[in-house]
Amino acid sequence: MTRRGAQAFYASRWFPAAVWMLRLLVGAVFVMSGFVKAVDLWGFVFKLEEYAAAFGYPQPRSVMVMSALFVSGYEFLFGFFLATGCFKRAAPWGLALMMAVMLPLTLYIAVASPVSDCGCFGDFWVLSNTATFVKNLFLAAAIALLLFWNPKVRSGLFQPAIQWMAGVWTGIYLVAVALFGYNVQPMIDFRPFPVGAPLVAEVPDDEYLFIYERDGTTRGFPMDSVPDGDGWTFVDRVPKNGQAGNAPDFAIFDGEYDVTESVVSAEGWQFLLVLPEPAIADISYTYAANEICQYADSAGIPMAGLLAADRNGIERWLDLSMAGYPCYSVDDTQLKELSRGTMALVILHDGRVYSKEMLSSIPLERIEAARASGDMPRALALDPFAPFKTLTGICLCGLLLLYLFQGMILGLRAKIRSAARESRGR
């Protein structure tokens, strides 16, 4: 494009609209990417640990937590700045710096596949490694255009003098969301077992094959044609095509025996103590678990411990915690999908997840109050989406007020600066 043609393009009425479309599109991608990482900070920590293990550089958990918080905040804030027209030069350069790292990294991942997926959007949207690289190619091209175009469109939602206020406000919001998810449970659950989901797949009988045996011969029958007599003896039922529906296959073992159906109650309340990493679980919180167990015994509510451990590990836990509840073995990945944290209380009702919360976030006073209420499961239940709505509402209202009254804020700022200059001149 010639210089005159470029000037005509920049002066056209379509140029600002095109820049704003790129701002919103690219900014929204990074805002979403940063938010879904922050809302489930544990999940992002696990993904970073997977990366570190794949490249042979394992790091302490504390380093991974700070790295996860930094990366998610970086993406969210720079995406927010770009989408709202703040820091018109710094925003695209900040995202370009990130893409300078992510583009070659995702190319390597697409070729070598050291991890199953990049984790760019957490459990919210799982992309293949190739799709992730292609997505980053488009993002890099759009950011390259914005490096030149973005400063030429001076309009933005917030005036330059107060845009830092919008950044601080949204930064506080994201940190609050991330810390709640890390210390309690994610405010929004994108995993296979959110509140309301069955822990064990509820599969209709017509999705199973029923295995019968006669004269040493076994055969599978669909539900509508199972044999009635004729010497056939029922043996087992198995899912069609190897898996029943699309439901996650949550499995609980007692030694080598699958005891899922006998452990998970199909009716009534149930308490589950979930320990995906029992080796690093804080033993001091077992007092609270035992208090809950005492109430469960008195109320006739079954309680069980689910540990990512073998029989020896379970025996060691029973000795250390003095647990009065039975403990079973479950794959650590499934336990991490069920709840976050090193030790969490999951409440089931009729076999469905009713509540989940880290035991460290439940004070003893709350346990005592729940026992006194006479309905401990409901009294202990947590709705993490309620604080999410509150925090998000406060954040949006604050940004709206900042946008509506920015003229007043700028006027007050000018008066303060003028008064300061006069006081220095005296």
Protein backbone atom coordinates (compact mmCIF):
# COMPACT_ATOMS: atom_id res chain seq x y z
CA MET A 1 0.00 0.00 0.00
CA THR A 2 1.36 3.43 -0.96
CA ARG A 3 1.73 6.21 1.60
CA ARG A 4 -1.21 8.09 0.13
CA GLY A 5 -3.29 4.91 0.12
CA ALA A 6 -2.41 4.24 3.75
CA GLN A 7 -3.40 7.77 4.73
CA ALA A 8 -6.71 7.36 2.91
CA PHE A 9 -7.32 4.04 4.66
CA TYR A 10 -6.61 5.52 8.09
CA ALA A 11 -8.88 8.45 7.36
CA SER A 12 -11.79 6.32 6.18
CA ARG A 13 -14.85 5.94 8.40
CA TRP A 14 -14.39 2.14 8.37
CA PHE A 15 -10.96 2.20 9.98
CA PRO A 16 -12.11 2.96 13.57
CA ALA A 17 -14.83 0.31 13.30
CA ALA A 18 -12.30 -2.28 12.09
CA VAL A 19 -9.91 -1.46 14.93
CA TRP A 20 -12.68 -1.68 17.52
CA MET A 21 -13.76 -5.05 16.12
CA LEU A 22 -10.19 -6.35 16.44
CA ARG A 23 -9.90 -4.87 19.93
CA LEU A 24 -13.08 -6.58 21.09
CA LEU A 25 -12.38 -9.90 19.40
CA VAL A 26 -8.77 -10.32 20.53
CA GLY A 27 -9.42 -8.75 23.93
CA ALA A 28 -12.38 -11.04 24.60
CA VAL A 29 -10.28 -14.13 23.81
CA PHE A 30 -7.62 -13.13 26.33
CA VAL A 31 -10.18 -12.05 28.93
CA MET A 32 -11.90 -15.41 28.67
CA SER A 33 -8.58 -17.30 28.69
CA GLY A 34 -7.38 -15.47 31.79
CA PHE A 35 -10.71 -15.75 33.59
CA VAL A 36 -11.21 -19.50 33.14
CA LYS A 37 -7.65 -20.07 34.36
CA ALA A 38 -8.16 -17.86 37.42
CA VAL A 39 -11.61 -19.14 38.36
CA ASP A 40 -10.15 -22.66 38.63
CA LEU A 41 -6.63 -21.84 39.77
CA TRP A 42 -6.06 -25.42 40.95
CA GLY A 43 -6.76 -26.72 37.47
CA PHE A 44 -4.23 -24.32 35.95
CA VAL A 45 -1.68 -25.28 38.61
CA PHE A 46 -2.12 -28.95 37.66
CA LYS A 47 -1.63 -28.07 34.00
CA LEU A 48 1.56 -26.10 34.74
CA GLU A 49 2.85 -29.04 36.78
CA GLU A 50 2.09 -31.28 33.80
CA TYR A 51 4.12 -28.96 31.58
CA ALA A 52 7.00 -28.89 34.08
CA ALA A 53 7.05 -32.68 34.32
CA ALA A 54 6.95 -33.04 30.53
CA PHE A 55 9.95 -30.71 30.10
CA GLY A 56 11.83 -32.20 33.06
CA TYR A 57 11.73 -29.09 35.28
CA PRO A 58 9.44 -29.85 38.24
CA GLN A 59 8.91 -26.91 40.58
CA PRO A 60 7.49 -26.50 44.11
CA ARG A 61 3.73 -26.10 44.37
CA SER A 62 4.10 -22.54 45.69
CA VAL A 63 6.00 -21.50 42.54
CA MET A 64 3.30 -23.02 40.36
CA VAL A 65 0.53 -21.22 42.25
CA MET A 66 2.21 -17.83 41.85
CA SER A 67 2.94 -18.56 38.18
CA ALA A 68 -0.69 -19.55 37.57
CA LEU A 69 -1.95 -16.38 39.25
CA PHE A 70 0.50 -14.20 37.28
CA VAL A 71 -0.27 -15.72 33.86
CA SER A 72 -4.05 -15.66 34.33
CA GLY A 73 -3.94 -12.07 35.61
CA TYR A 74 -1.64 -10.99 32.77
CA GLU A 75 -3.97 -12.39 30.11
CA PHE A 76 -7.10 -11.03 31.76
CA LEU A 77 -5.82 -7.50 32.36
CA PHE A 78 -4.14 -6.97 28.98
CA GLY A 79 -7.20 -8.42 27.26
CA PHE A 80 -9.38 -6.03 29.26
CA PHE A 81 -7.15 -3.07 28.38
CA LEU A 82 -7.29 -3.93 24.69
CA ALA A 83 -11.06 -4.51 24.60
CA THR A 84 -11.81 -1.21 26.36
CA GLY A 85 -9.28 0.91 24.47
CA CYS A 86 -7.02 1.50 27.48
CA PHE A 87 -3.22 1.84 27.22
CA LYS A 88 -3.42 1.86 23.44
CA ARG A 89 0.29 1.24 22.90
CA ALA A 90 1.08 -0.95 25.90
CA ALA A 91 -1.91 -3.31 25.54
CA PRO A 92 -1.06 -4.76 22.09
CA TRP A 93 2.65 -4.85 22.94
CA GLY A 94 1.91 -6.74 26.15
CA LEU A 95 -0.12 -9.32 24.24
CA ALA A 96 2.51 -9.49 21.48
CA LEU A 97 5.09 -10.35 24.13
CA MET A 98 2.91 -13.20 25.34
CA MET A 99 2.38 -14.50 21.80
CA ALA A 100 6.15 -14.38 21.20
CA VAL A 101 6.37 -17.06 23.90
CA MET A 102 3.14 -18.96 23.24
CA LEU A 103 3.41 -19.26 19.45
CA PRO A 104 6.65 -21.30 19.35
CA LEU A 105 5.59 -23.19 22.48
CA THR A 106 2.27 -24.28 20.99
CA LEU A 107 4.02 -25.16 17.71
CA TYR A 108 6.29 -27.51 19.63
CA ILE A 109 3.31 -28.96 21.52
CA ALA A 110 1.42 -29.50 18.26
CA VAL A 111 4.39 -31.39 16.79
CA ALA A 112 5.70 -33.32 19.81
CA SER A 113 2.50 -33.60 21.92
CA PRO A 114 4.25 -33.64 25.33
CA VAL A 115 0.85 -32.88 26.96
CA SER A 116 -2.65 -33.93 25.98
CA ASP A 117 -3.94 -30.37 25.55
CA CYS A 118 -2.50 -26.91 26.10
CA GLY A 119 -4.98 -25.87 28.79
CA CYS A 120 -5.49 -22.44 27.22
CA PHE A 121 -9.15 -22.37 28.26
CA GLY A 122 -8.97 -24.83 31.15
CA ASP A 123 -11.84 -27.30 31.36
CA PHE A 124 -14.20 -24.74 29.82
CA TRP A 125 -13.07 -25.45 26.27
CA VAL A 126 -10.53 -28.19 25.55
CA LEU A 127 -8.76 -27.69 22.23
CA SER A 128 -6.47 -30.10 20.47
CA ASN A 129 -2.81 -29.13 20.27
CA THR A 130 -3.08 -28.45 16.53
CA ALA A 131 -6.20 -26.33 16.94
CA THR A 132 -4.45 -24.34 19.67
CA PHE A 133 -1.54 -23.51 17.39
CA VAL A 134 -3.85 -22.46 14.55
CA LYS A 135 -5.81 -20.28 16.97
CA ASN A 136 -2.59 -18.62 18.10
CA LEU A 137 -1.59 -17.95 14.49
CA PHE A 138 -4.76 -15.93 13.94
CA LEU A 139 -4.31 -14.14 17.26
CA ALA A 140 -0.71 -13.27 16.43
CA ALA A 141 -1.74 -11.85 13.04
CA ALA A 142 -4.49 -9.75 14.61
CA ILE A 143 -2.16 -8.46 17.33
CA ALA A 144 0.47 -7.57 14.69
CA LEU A 145 -2.11 -5.34 12.99
CA LEU A 146 -3.11 -3.79 16.30
CA LEU A 147 0.49 -2.88 17.07
CA PHE A 148 0.22 -0.30 14.26
CA TRP A 149 -3.49 0.41 14.16
CA ASN A 150 -4.51 0.54 17.79
CA PRO A 151 -2.74 3.84 18.73
CA LYS A 152 -4.29 5.57 15.71
CA VAL A 153 -7.82 5.21 17.12
CA ARG A 154 -7.75 7.40 20.21
CA SER A 155 -11.25 6.66 21.42
CA GLY A 156 -11.62 4.39 24.44
CA LEU A 157 -14.08 3.71 27.22
CA PHE A 158 -11.93 5.43 29.84
CA GLN A 159 -9.87 8.61 29.66
CA PRO A 160 -6.08 8.03 29.78
CA ALA A 161 -5.76 9.75 33.16
CA ILE A 162 -8.06 7.28 34.93
CA GLN A 163 -7.63 4.09 32.93
CA TRP A 164 -5.29 2.79 35.63
CA MET A 165 -8.26 2.88 38.03
CA ALA A 166 -10.20 0.50 35.79
CA GLY A 167 -7.17 -1.79 35.68
CA VAL A 168 -6.75 -1.84 39.46
CA TRP A 169 -10.48 -2.47 39.96
CA THR A 170 -10.63 -5.42 37.55
CA GLY A 171 -7.35 -6.76 38.92
CA ILE A 172 -8.77 -6.85 42.46
CA TYR A 173 -11.83 -8.66 41.10
CA LEU A 174 -9.78 -11.34 39.36
CA VAL A 175 -7.55 -11.93 42.40
CA ALA A 176 -10.65 -12.32 44.60
CA VAL A 177 -12.14 -14.86 42.19
CA ALA A 178 -8.86 -16.79 41.97
CA LEU A 179 -8.22 -16.89 45.73
CA PHE A 180 -11.77 -18.03 46.44
CA GLY A 181 -11.37 -20.85 43.95
CA TYR A 182 -8.00 -21.83 45.38
CA ASN A 183 -9.02 -21.75 49.05
CA VAL A 184 -12.68 -22.85 48.83
CA GLN A 185 -13.82 -24.17 45.43
CA PRO A 186 -14.07 -22.66 41.93
CA MET A 187 -17.01 -20.26 41.68
CA ILE A 188 -17.90 -21.74 38.29
CA ASP A 189 -17.36 -25.45 37.76
CA PHE A 190 -16.51 -26.65 34.24
CA ARG A 191 -15.46 -30.13 35.37
CA PRO A 192 -17.39 -33.40 34.87
CA PHE A 193 -18.95 -33.36 38.37
CA PRO A 194 -20.53 -29.95 39.01
CA VAL A 195 -23.18 -29.42 41.65
CA GLY A 196 -26.31 -31.28 40.57
CA ALA A 197 -24.47 -33.90 38.51
CA PRO A 198 -24.61 -37.60 39.43
CA LEU A 199 -21.38 -38.98 40.81
CA VAL A 200 -22.04 -42.31 39.14
CA ALA A 201 -23.44 -42.23 35.62
CA GLU A 202 -27.19 -42.69 35.47
CA VAL A 203 -27.43 -44.85 32.38
CA PRO A 204 -30.71 -46.20 30.99
CA ASP A 205 -30.92 -49.96 30.68
CA ASP A 206 -31.19 -49.71 26.90
CA GLU A 207 -27.55 -48.50 26.79
CA TYR A 208 -26.36 -51.79 28.27
CA LEU A 209 -25.85 -55.29 26.95
CA PHE A 210 -26.96 -57.97 29.38
CA ILE A 211 -24.59 -60.93 29.47
CA TYR A 212 -26.13 -64.39 29.87
CA GLU A 213 -24.53 -67.84 29.91
CA ARG A 214 -25.82 -71.22 28.76
CA ASP A 215 -23.91 -74.46 28.32
CA GLY A 216 -20.57 -72.70 28.64
CA THR A 217 -21.49 -70.07 26.03
CA THR A 218 -21.87 -66.40 26.89
CA ARG A 219 -23.87 -63.93 24.83
CA GLY A 220 -24.94 -60.31 25.12
CA PHE A 221 -28.58 -59.27 24.75
CA PRO A 222 -30.13 -55.80 24.51
CA MET A 223 -32.76 -54.87 27.08
CA ASP A 224 -35.72 -55.62 24.83
CA SER A 225 -34.61 -59.17 24.02
CA VAL A 226 -33.17 -60.65 27.22
CA PRO A 227 -33.96 -64.38 27.44
CA ASP A 228 -36.70 -65.54 29.76
CA GLY A 229 -35.58 -68.93 30.96
CA ASP A 230 -34.48 -71.40 28.27
CA GLY A 231 -31.47 -72.29 30.41
CA TRP A 232 -29.86 -68.84 30.17
CA THR A 233 -28.30 -67.51 33.41
CA PHE A 234 -27.65 -63.80 33.96
CA VAL A 235 -23.94 -63.04 34.42
CA ASP A 236 -23.34 -59.30 34.08
CA ARG A 237 -24.26 -56.16 32.21
CA VAL A 238 -21.78 -54.07 30.24
CA PRO A 239 -22.10 -50.73 28.45
CA LYS A 240 -22.61 -50.80 24.73
CA ASN A 241 -19.52 -49.79 22.72
CA GLY A 242 -17.42 -50.14 25.87
CA GLN A 243 -18.79 -47.05 27.64
CA ALA A 244 -22.22 -46.09 28.87
CA GLY A 245 -23.23 -42.84 27.25
CA ASN A 246 -20.88 -39.87 27.68
CA ALA A 247 -20.95 -39.80 31.46
CA PRO A 248 -17.64 -39.89 33.34
CA ASP A 249 -16.71 -43.31 34.68
CA PHE A 250 -16.15 -42.61 38.40
CA ALA A 251 -14.81 -45.78 40.02
CA ILE A 252 -14.21 -46.57 43.71
CA PHE A 253 -12.06 -49.54 44.70
CA ASP A 254 -11.55 -51.54 47.86
CA GLY A 255 -8.30 -53.23 47.02
CA GLU A 256 -8.86 -54.78 43.60
CA TYR A 257 -12.66 -54.83 43.85
CA ASP A 258 -14.88 -52.17 42.30
CA VAL A 259 -17.27 -51.13 45.10
CA THR A 260 -18.67 -47.98 43.50
CA GLU A 261 -22.31 -49.04 43.56
CA SER A 262 -22.15 -50.17 47.17
CA VAL A 263 -20.31 -47.04 48.40
CA VAL A 264 -22.31 -44.32 46.63
CA SER A 265 -25.80 -44.11 48.09
CA ALA A 266 -28.56 -43.81 45.51
CA GLU A 267 -30.89 -42.26 48.09
CA GLY A 268 -30.48 -39.83 50.96
CA TRP A 269 -27.50 -37.84 52.16
CA GLN A 270 -23.86 -38.87 52.13
CA PHE A 271 -20.55 -37.26 53.13
CA LEU A 272 -17.36 -37.91 51.16
CA LEU A 273 -13.93 -36.81 52.31
CA VAL A 274 -11.86 -36.40 49.15
CA LEU A 275 -8.05 -36.51 49.24
CA PRO A 276 -6.43 -36.49 45.78
CA GLU A 277 -2.99 -35.90 47.35
CA PRO A 278 -3.08 -37.58 50.78
CA ALA A 279 0.71 -37.37 51.19
CA ILE A 280 0.57 -33.56 51.51
CA ALA A 281 -2.82 -33.26 53.24
CA ASP A 282 -2.75 -31.25 56.49
CA ILE A 283 -3.48 -33.75 59.25
CA SER A 284 -4.72 -30.98 61.56
CA TYR A 285 -7.99 -30.73 59.60
CA THR A 286 -8.87 -34.34 60.38
CA TYR A 287 -10.39 -33.15 63.66
CA ALA A 288 -13.09 -31.34 61.68
CA ALA A 289 -13.59 -34.44 59.52
CA ASN A 290 -14.01 -36.60 62.60
CA GLU A 291 -16.52 -34.14 64.06
CA ILE A 292 -18.57 -34.40 60.87
CA CYS A 293 -18.24 -38.18 61.03
CA GLN A 294 -19.64 -38.25 64.59
CA TYR A 295 -22.70 -36.31 63.47
CA ALA A 296 -23.08 -38.51 60.40
CA ASP A 297 -23.05 -41.64 62.59
CA SER A 298 -25.67 -40.20 64.95
CA ALA A 299 -27.89 -39.11 62.05
CA GLY A 300 -27.52 -42.34 60.10
CA ILE A 301 -25.72 -40.61 57.23
CA PRO A 302 -23.00 -42.71 55.55
CA MET A 303 -19.55 -41.15 55.28
CA ALA A 304 -16.54 -42.43 53.37
CA GLY A 305 -13.03 -41.30 52.54
CA LEU A 306 -11.84 -41.37 48.93
CA LEU A 307 -8.06 -41.35 48.60
CA ALA A 308 -5.63 -41.49 45.72
CA ALA A 309 -3.65 -44.19 47.50
CA ASP A 310 -3.09 -47.92 47.56
CA ARG A 311 -4.02 -50.17 50.46
CA ASN A 312 -0.88 -49.26 52.43
CA GLY A 313 -1.53 -45.56 51.94
CA ILE A 314 -5.11 -45.97 53.12
CA GLU A 315 -3.98 -47.87 56.23
CA ARG A 316 -1.46 -45.14 56.98
CA TRP A 317 -4.17 -42.48 56.64
CA LEU A 318 -6.54 -44.38 58.93
CA ASP A 319 -3.82 -44.56 61.59
CA LEU A 320 -2.84 -40.89 61.32
CA SER A 321 -6.35 -39.44 61.19
CA MET A 322 -8.01 -41.88 63.61
CA ALA A 323 -10.85 -41.96 61.11
CA GLY A 324 -14.13 -43.60 62.05
CA TYR A 325 -15.22 -43.82 58.42
CA PRO A 326 -14.20 -46.40 55.80
CA CYS A 327 -11.69 -45.33 53.16
CA TYR A 328 -11.39 -46.43 49.55
CA SER A 329 -9.07 -45.91 46.61
CA VAL A 330 -9.93 -43.71 43.62
CA ASP A 331 -7.80 -42.49 40.72
CA ASP A 332 -6.25 -39.11 41.55
CA THR A 333 -7.43 -37.54 38.29
CA GLN A 334 -11.04 -38.40 39.06
CA LEU A 335 -10.72 -36.99 42.57
CA LYS A 336 -9.25 -33.75 41.19
CA GLU A 337 -12.17 -33.55 38.78
CA LEU A 338 -14.62 -34.07 41.63
CA SER A 339 -13.23 -31.37 43.93
CA ARG A 340 -10.24 -29.06 44.23
CA GLY A 341 -7.82 -28.86 47.13
CA THR A 342 -5.83 -31.41 49.11
CA MET A 343 -8.76 -32.26 51.39
CA ALA A 344 -12.38 -31.47 50.53
CA LEU A 345 -15.83 -32.35 51.84
CA VAL A 346 -18.27 -33.42 49.14
CA ILE A 347 -21.94 -33.76 50.09
CA LEU A 348 -24.13 -36.05 47.99
CA HIS A 349 -27.93 -36.16 47.92
CA ASP A 350 -29.57 -39.07 46.13
CA GLY A 351 -26.26 -39.86 44.47
CA ARG A 352 -25.85 -36.33 43.07
CA VAL A 353 -23.28 -33.72 44.04
CA TYR A 354 -25.02 -31.31 46.41
CA SER A 355 -22.03 -29.31 47.64
CA LYS A 356 -18.24 -29.38 47.69
CA GLU A 357 -15.79 -27.31 49.72
CA MET A 358 -12.25 -27.52 51.02
CA LEU A 359 -12.25 -28.66 54.62
CA SER A 360 -9.78 -25.91 55.54
CA SER A 361 -12.41 -23.28 54.67
CA ILE A 362 -15.01 -24.75 57.05
CA PRO A 363 -14.43 -23.40 60.58
CA LEU A 364 -15.36 -25.53 63.58
CA GLU A 365 -17.94 -22.92 64.61
CA ARG A 366 -19.77 -23.49 61.35
CA ILE A 367 -19.71 -27.25 61.91
CA GLU A 368 -21.13 -26.82 65.42
CA ALA A 369 -23.84 -24.47 64.14
CA ALA A 370 -24.72 -26.95 61.41
CA ARG A 371 -24.98 -29.78 63.95
CA ALA A 372 -27.24 -27.65 66.16
CA SER A 373 -29.50 -26.87 63.21
CA GLY A 374 -30.57 -30.51 63.01
CA ASP A 375 -30.01 -30.53 59.24
CA MET A 376 -26.24 -30.57 58.93
CA PRO A 377 -25.94 -31.44 55.22
CA ARG A 378 -28.01 -28.46 54.09
CA ALA A 379 -26.50 -26.17 56.73
CA LEU A 380 -22.96 -27.06 55.59
CA ALA A 381 -23.73 -26.83 51.88
CA LEU A 382 -21.95 -24.12 49.91
CA ASP A 383 -23.18 -22.35 46.79
CA PRO A 384 -20.00 -20.90 45.22
CA PHE A 385 -21.96 -19.26 42.41
CA ALA A 386 -23.61 -16.87 44.88
CA PRO A 387 -20.36 -15.01 45.74
CA PHE A 388 -19.48 -15.04 42.03
CA LYS A 389 -22.66 -13.15 41.21
CA THR A 390 -22.00 -10.70 44.04
CA LEU A 391 -18.36 -10.07 43.11
CA THR A 392 -19.13 -9.76 39.40
CA GLY A 393 -22.00 -7.37 40.10
CA ILE A 394 -19.77 -5.18 42.29
CA CYS A 395 -17.04 -5.17 39.64
CA LEU A 396 -19.39 -4.24 36.79
CA CYS A 397 -21.13 -1.55 38.86
CA GLY A 398 -17.77 -0.06 39.79
CA LEU A 399 -16.68 0.06 36.14
CA LEU A 400 -20.01 1.57 35.11
CA LEU A 401 -19.74 4.29 37.76
CA LEU A 402 -16.17 4.99 36.72
CA TYR A 403 -17.28 5.34 33.09
CA LEU A 404 -20.29 7.56 33.88
CA PHE A 405 -18.50 9.89 36.30
CA GLN A 406 -15.05 10.03 34.74
CA GLY A 407 -15.63 13.67 33.79
CA MET A 408 -16.33 14.52 37.41
CA ILE A 409 -13.27 12.57 38.53
CA LEU A 410 -11.06 14.37 36.01
CA GLY A 411 -12.42 17.73 37.15
CA LEU A 412 -11.73 16.89 40.78
CA ARG A 413 -8.27 15.71 39.83
CA ALA A 414 -7.57 19.01 38.05
CA LYS A 415 -8.69 21.00 41.09
CA ILE A 416 -6.49 18.97 43.42
CA ARG A 417 -3.47 19.42 41.17
CA SER A 418 -4.15 23.14 40.84
CA ALA A 419 -4.43 23.52 44.60
CA ALA A 420 -1.18 21.59 45.04
CA ARG A 421 0.64 23.89 42.61
CA GLU A 422 -0.66 26.97 44.40
CA SER A 423 0.47 25.64 47.77
CA ARG A 424 3.96 24.95 46.41
CA GLY A 425 4.13 28.46 44.92
CA ARG A 426 3.44 30.19 48.24
